[in-house]
Amino acid sequence: MELGLKDRVAAVAAASQGLGFAAARRFALEGARVGICSRSQKNIDAAARRIENETGTEVFGLVAELSNADEATGFVDAVAGHFGGLDVLVTNAGGPPPGGFEEIGEVEVRRAFDLTLMSTIAMIKAAVPHMRKRSWGRVVNILSLTVKQPELTLLMSNTMRTALVGYTKSVSTELAPENILINNVAPGYTRTERLGELADDLAARGETSADEIFAGWEERIPMGRLGRPEELANVIAFLASEGGSYVTGVTLQVDGGYVKGLL
């Protein structure tokens, strides 16, 4: 299927590894020009080189601390300035630290608020004016299955990412007449560095190993395996493409059937 992404400009946040990297690579494979960011200059330079070497497509990498709203905004504006416009924004940020009610205090709430909720809102606010100039735009927010089915040790993810679902649904209605579409993807258990951190945290809380944690997740997934980052990236690319031209305000789980709810 031709996605119509060739020569589009895509900004993909937190893309030095994991799901963000997979999304950026997918856009580059489609011929889009891609801007990516990370907190580490070394990591983002390495990620940009990897994508460029594999795809032959220009990748613009820069350092940004997304929990700082000014830097989140600056990332989007820098990509648009470098390439002369912006068509697609993929918001993403490292997940807030795991923990439940007894472990999460006001300081942790504020940090999660800035990193997970406000960074996304800041990036969207920065992207929309650039998209309006083209009368075309796509925003895809990488959230988590926790917006559909909360997990006990992920209180801040359950809270902040679910707030983004409400924000996205509201904003998508306002922007739909301008052909600017906003959707969410809710990845399930996908084999990334972040998932390894969660497995280690759960193992430290109980009398089990990280390998046993991984095995337990796989047993609970109807497809019997963890997801691959490129599988989520394929869905993101579709939502950002001409093929997704009548889809907005949707939260789509990509989880191998893990979430049991009807909605």
Protein backbone atom coordinates (compact mmCIF):
# COMPACT_ATOMS: atom_id res chain seq x y z
CA MET A 1 0.00 0.00 0.00
CA GLU A 2 1.36 3.42 -0.96
CA LEU A 3 1.21 5.56 2.17
CA GLY A 4 1.88 8.90 0.50
CA LEU A 5 4.54 9.90 3.02
CA LYS A 6 7.39 10.56 0.57
CA ASP A 7 8.86 14.03 1.16
CA ARG A 8 6.56 14.67 4.11
CA VAL A 9 8.24 16.12 7.20
CA ALA A 10 7.84 14.15 10.43
CA ALA A 11 8.98 15.09 13.93
CA VAL A 12 9.31 12.06 16.20
CA ALA A 13 10.04 12.74 19.87
CA ALA A 14 12.19 10.58 22.16
CA ALA A 15 13.44 8.58 19.20
CA SER A 16 16.95 7.45 20.06
CA GLN A 17 15.66 3.96 20.90
CA GLY A 18 12.55 1.86 21.42
CA LEU A 19 9.20 2.81 19.97
CA GLY A 20 10.23 6.31 18.95
CA PHE A 21 13.21 5.02 17.00
CA ALA A 22 11.06 2.42 15.26
CA ALA A 23 8.55 5.09 14.22
CA ALA A 24 11.25 7.43 12.91
CA ARG A 25 12.84 4.60 10.94
CA ARG A 26 9.46 3.69 9.43
CA PHE A 27 8.88 7.23 8.21
CA ALA A 28 12.37 7.35 6.71
CA LEU A 29 11.74 4.06 4.89
CA GLU A 30 8.68 5.72 3.36
CA GLY A 31 10.82 8.60 2.10
CA ALA A 32 9.78 11.17 4.69
CA ARG A 33 12.27 13.65 6.06
CA VAL A 34 12.56 13.06 9.78
CA GLY A 35 13.50 15.08 12.85
CA ILE A 36 14.21 13.25 16.09
CA CYS A 37 15.22 14.19 19.63
CA SER A 38 16.67 12.71 22.78
CA ARG A 39 18.15 13.98 26.02
CA SER A 40 21.56 12.62 24.96
CA GLN A 41 23.60 14.10 22.12
CA LYS A 42 25.54 10.86 21.76
CA ASN A 43 22.41 8.72 21.55
CA ILE A 44 20.53 10.95 19.12
CA ASP A 45 23.54 11.27 16.81
CA ALA A 46 23.91 7.49 16.77
CA ALA A 47 20.20 6.98 16.06
CA ALA A 48 20.25 9.52 13.21
CA ARG A 49 23.26 7.82 11.64
CA ARG A 50 21.64 4.39 11.88
CA ILE A 51 18.47 5.55 10.13
CA GLU A 52 20.33 7.52 7.47
CA ASN A 53 22.67 4.63 6.71
CA GLU A 54 19.79 2.20 6.36
CA THR A 55 17.35 4.37 4.43
CA GLY A 56 19.39 7.03 2.65
CA THR A 57 16.95 9.63 4.01
CA GLU A 58 18.02 12.80 5.82
CA VAL A 59 17.49 12.73 9.57
CA PHE A 60 17.79 15.85 11.71
CA GLY A 61 18.69 15.05 15.30
CA LEU A 62 18.81 17.38 18.27
CA VAL A 63 18.87 17.32 22.05
CA ALA A 64 15.72 18.21 23.98
CA GLU A 65 14.55 17.65 27.54
CA LEU A 66 10.86 17.11 26.89
CA SER A 67 9.83 17.61 30.52
CA ASN A 68 10.73 21.25 29.90
CA ALA A 69 7.82 22.67 27.87
CA ASP A 70 10.06 25.26 26.19
CA GLU A 71 12.41 22.56 24.96
CA ALA A 72 9.51 20.40 23.78
CA THR A 73 8.18 23.35 21.79
CA GLY A 74 11.67 24.16 20.56
CA PHE A 75 12.09 20.65 19.19
CA VAL A 76 9.00 20.94 17.00
CA ASP A 77 9.88 24.42 15.79
CA ALA A 78 13.47 23.38 15.05
CA VAL A 79 12.34 20.47 12.86
CA ALA A 80 9.91 22.71 10.98
CA GLY A 81 12.61 25.33 10.54
CA HIS A 82 15.20 22.85 9.34
CA PHE A 83 12.96 21.25 6.71
CA GLY A 84 10.81 24.27 5.87
CA GLY A 85 7.57 22.97 7.34
CA LEU A 86 5.94 20.16 9.28
CA ASP A 87 3.36 17.54 8.32
CA VAL A 88 3.50 14.87 11.03
CA LEU A 89 4.17 14.91 14.76
CA VAL A 90 4.67 11.75 16.80
CA THR A 91 4.69 12.58 20.49
CA ASN A 92 6.53 10.29 22.83
CA ALA A 93 8.39 10.50 26.13
CA GLY A 94 10.06 8.10 28.48
CA GLY A 95 7.44 6.55 30.74
CA PRO A 96 7.11 7.95 34.26
CA PRO A 97 8.73 5.84 36.99
CA PRO A 98 6.69 2.86 38.17
CA GLY A 99 5.03 2.92 41.53
CA GLY A 100 1.71 2.74 43.33
CA PHE A 101 -0.24 4.91 45.78
CA GLU A 102 2.17 4.55 48.71
CA GLU A 103 5.26 5.30 46.61
CA ILE A 104 4.09 8.22 44.51
CA GLY A 105 4.16 11.58 46.26
CA GLU A 106 3.58 15.13 45.08
CA VAL A 107 7.10 15.47 43.67
CA GLU A 108 6.68 12.35 41.52
CA VAL A 109 3.25 13.55 40.37
CA ARG A 110 4.67 16.88 39.25
CA ARG A 111 7.50 15.21 37.36
CA ALA A 112 5.11 12.85 35.62
CA PHE A 113 2.79 15.77 34.82
CA ASP A 114 5.61 17.66 33.11
CA LEU A 115 7.13 14.68 31.30
CA THR A 116 4.08 12.77 30.17
CA LEU A 117 1.20 15.24 29.95
CA MET A 118 2.61 18.74 29.45
CA SER A 119 5.34 17.70 27.00
CA THR A 120 2.74 16.28 24.64
CA ILE A 121 0.44 19.29 24.93
CA ALA A 122 3.38 21.63 24.30
CA MET A 123 4.45 19.73 21.19
CA ILE A 124 0.92 19.68 19.77
CA LYS A 125 0.47 23.40 20.42
CA ALA A 126 3.74 24.07 18.59
CA ALA A 127 2.96 21.75 15.66
CA VAL A 128 -0.54 22.92 14.73
CA PRO A 129 0.45 26.38 13.40
CA HIS A 130 2.97 24.74 11.04
CA MET A 131 0.34 22.24 9.87
CA ARG A 132 -2.21 24.98 9.28
CA LYS A 133 0.13 26.55 6.75
CA ARG A 134 -0.18 23.35 4.70
CA SER A 135 -3.87 22.69 5.40
CA TRP A 136 -2.76 19.16 6.29
CA GLY A 137 -1.44 17.56 9.44
CA ARG A 138 -1.23 14.36 11.44
CA VAL A 139 -0.49 13.95 15.13
CA VAL A 140 -0.01 10.49 16.64
CA ASN A 141 0.55 10.21 20.39
CA ILE A 142 2.34 7.13 21.69
CA LEU A 143 0.57 6.31 24.95
CA SER A 144 0.16 2.89 26.58
CA LEU A 145 -2.35 0.11 27.11
CA THR A 146 -2.77 1.63 30.58
CA VAL A 147 -5.24 4.12 29.08
CA LYS A 148 -7.50 1.16 28.35
CA GLN A 149 -6.61 -1.19 31.19
CA PRO A 150 -4.69 0.35 34.13
CA GLU A 151 -1.79 -1.59 35.61
CA LEU A 152 -1.27 -1.68 39.38
CA THR A 153 2.34 -0.47 39.52
CA LEU A 154 1.97 2.21 36.84
CA LEU A 155 -0.10 4.80 38.70
CA MET A 156 1.37 7.83 36.91
CA SER A 157 1.12 6.24 33.48
CA ASN A 158 -2.49 5.31 34.23
CA THR A 159 -3.21 8.90 35.23
CA MET A 160 -1.28 11.19 32.90
CA ARG A 161 -1.69 9.21 29.71
CA THR A 162 -5.40 8.80 30.27
CA ALA A 163 -5.64 12.58 30.61
CA LEU A 164 -4.10 12.83 27.14
CA VAL A 165 -6.90 10.69 25.72
CA GLY A 166 -9.40 13.29 26.88
CA TYR A 167 -7.26 16.13 25.54
CA THR A 168 -6.80 14.43 22.18
CA LYS A 169 -10.49 13.65 21.75
CA SER A 170 -11.41 17.26 22.47
CA VAL A 171 -8.77 18.83 20.24
CA SER A 172 -9.38 16.40 17.38
CA THR A 173 -12.95 17.67 17.11
CA GLU A 174 -11.78 21.28 16.86
CA LEU A 175 -9.09 20.60 14.25
CA ALA A 176 -10.88 18.07 12.03
CA PRO A 177 -12.36 20.76 9.72
CA GLU A 178 -8.79 21.89 8.98
CA ASN A 179 -7.65 18.42 7.91
CA ILE A 180 -5.42 18.11 10.97
CA LEU A 181 -6.04 14.68 12.46
CA ILE A 182 -5.01 13.58 15.94
CA ASN A 183 -4.98 9.98 17.15
CA ASN A 184 -3.41 7.88 19.88
CA VAL A 185 -1.74 4.49 19.79
CA ALA A 186 -1.77 2.40 22.94
CA PRO A 187 1.05 -0.15 22.70
CA GLY A 188 0.91 -3.27 24.79
CA TYR A 189 3.87 -5.23 26.07
CA THR A 190 6.48 -4.58 23.40
CA ARG A 191 10.10 -5.68 23.63
CA THR A 192 11.90 -2.41 24.31
CA GLU A 193 14.43 -1.08 26.80
CA ARG A 194 11.55 0.43 28.80
CA LEU A 195 9.89 -2.96 29.19
CA GLY A 196 13.13 -4.38 30.53
CA GLU A 197 13.16 -1.65 33.18
CA LEU A 198 9.60 -2.49 34.21
CA ALA A 199 10.46 -6.20 34.43
CA ASP A 200 13.44 -5.43 36.64
CA ASP A 201 11.27 -3.23 38.90
CA LEU A 202 8.62 -5.92 39.29
CA ALA A 203 11.25 -8.56 39.96
CA ALA A 204 12.74 -6.39 42.71
CA ARG A 205 9.31 -6.17 44.38
CA GLY A 206 8.76 -9.93 44.58
CA GLU A 207 10.44 -13.30 44.63
CA THR A 208 10.76 -13.80 40.91
CA SER A 209 13.14 -12.99 38.08
CA ALA A 210 12.84 -10.60 35.15
CA ASP A 211 12.74 -13.60 32.81
CA GLU A 212 9.77 -15.00 34.71
CA ILE A 213 8.07 -11.60 34.48
CA PHE A 214 8.50 -11.62 30.70
CA ALA A 215 7.14 -15.17 30.52
CA GLY A 216 4.11 -14.17 32.59
CA TRP A 217 3.33 -11.28 30.25
CA GLU A 218 3.54 -13.56 27.24
CA GLU A 219 1.14 -16.03 28.84
CA ARG A 220 -1.43 -13.25 29.31
CA ILE A 221 -1.22 -12.04 25.70
CA PRO A 222 -3.60 -13.97 23.42
CA MET A 223 -1.04 -13.94 20.60
CA GLY A 224 1.43 -15.61 22.96
CA ARG A 225 4.32 -13.22 22.42
CA LEU A 226 5.54 -9.70 23.04
CA GLY A 227 5.09 -7.07 20.38
CA ARG A 228 7.89 -5.83 18.15
CA PRO A 229 8.58 -2.07 17.91
CA GLU A 230 8.21 -2.15 14.13
CA GLU A 231 4.65 -3.49 14.50
CA LEU A 232 3.64 -0.36 16.38
CA ALA A 233 5.57 1.77 13.88
CA ASN A 234 3.50 0.31 11.03
CA VAL A 235 0.28 1.45 12.72
CA ILE A 236 1.70 4.92 13.38
CA ALA A 237 2.71 5.27 9.74
CA PHE A 238 -0.77 4.30 8.59
CA LEU A 239 -2.46 6.82 10.88
CA ALA A 240 -0.10 9.50 9.56
CA SER A 241 -0.72 8.58 5.94
CA GLU A 242 -3.31 9.30 3.28
CA GLY A 243 -4.78 5.89 4.13
CA GLY A 244 -5.82 7.23 7.53
CA SER A 245 -7.49 10.32 6.09
CA TYR A 246 -10.87 9.65 7.78
CA VAL A 247 -9.59 8.62 11.21
CA THR A 248 -9.33 11.15 14.02
CA GLY A 249 -9.90 11.20 17.78
CA VAL A 250 -9.25 7.46 18.03
CA THR A 251 -7.18 5.53 20.60
CA LEU A 252 -6.02 2.32 18.97
CA GLN A 253 -4.42 -0.40 21.06
CA VAL A 254 -1.62 -2.43 19.49
CA ASP A 255 -1.31 -5.16 22.09
CA GLY A 256 -1.77 -8.63 20.64
CA GLY A 257 -5.23 -8.79 22.23
CA TYR A 258 -4.10 -8.07 25.80
CA VAL A 259 -6.78 -5.50 26.70
CA LYS A 260 -10.04 -7.25 27.52
CA GLY A 261 -12.43 -4.28 27.44
CA LEU A 262 -14.98 -3.74 24.68
CA LEU A 263 -14.18 -0.03 24.16
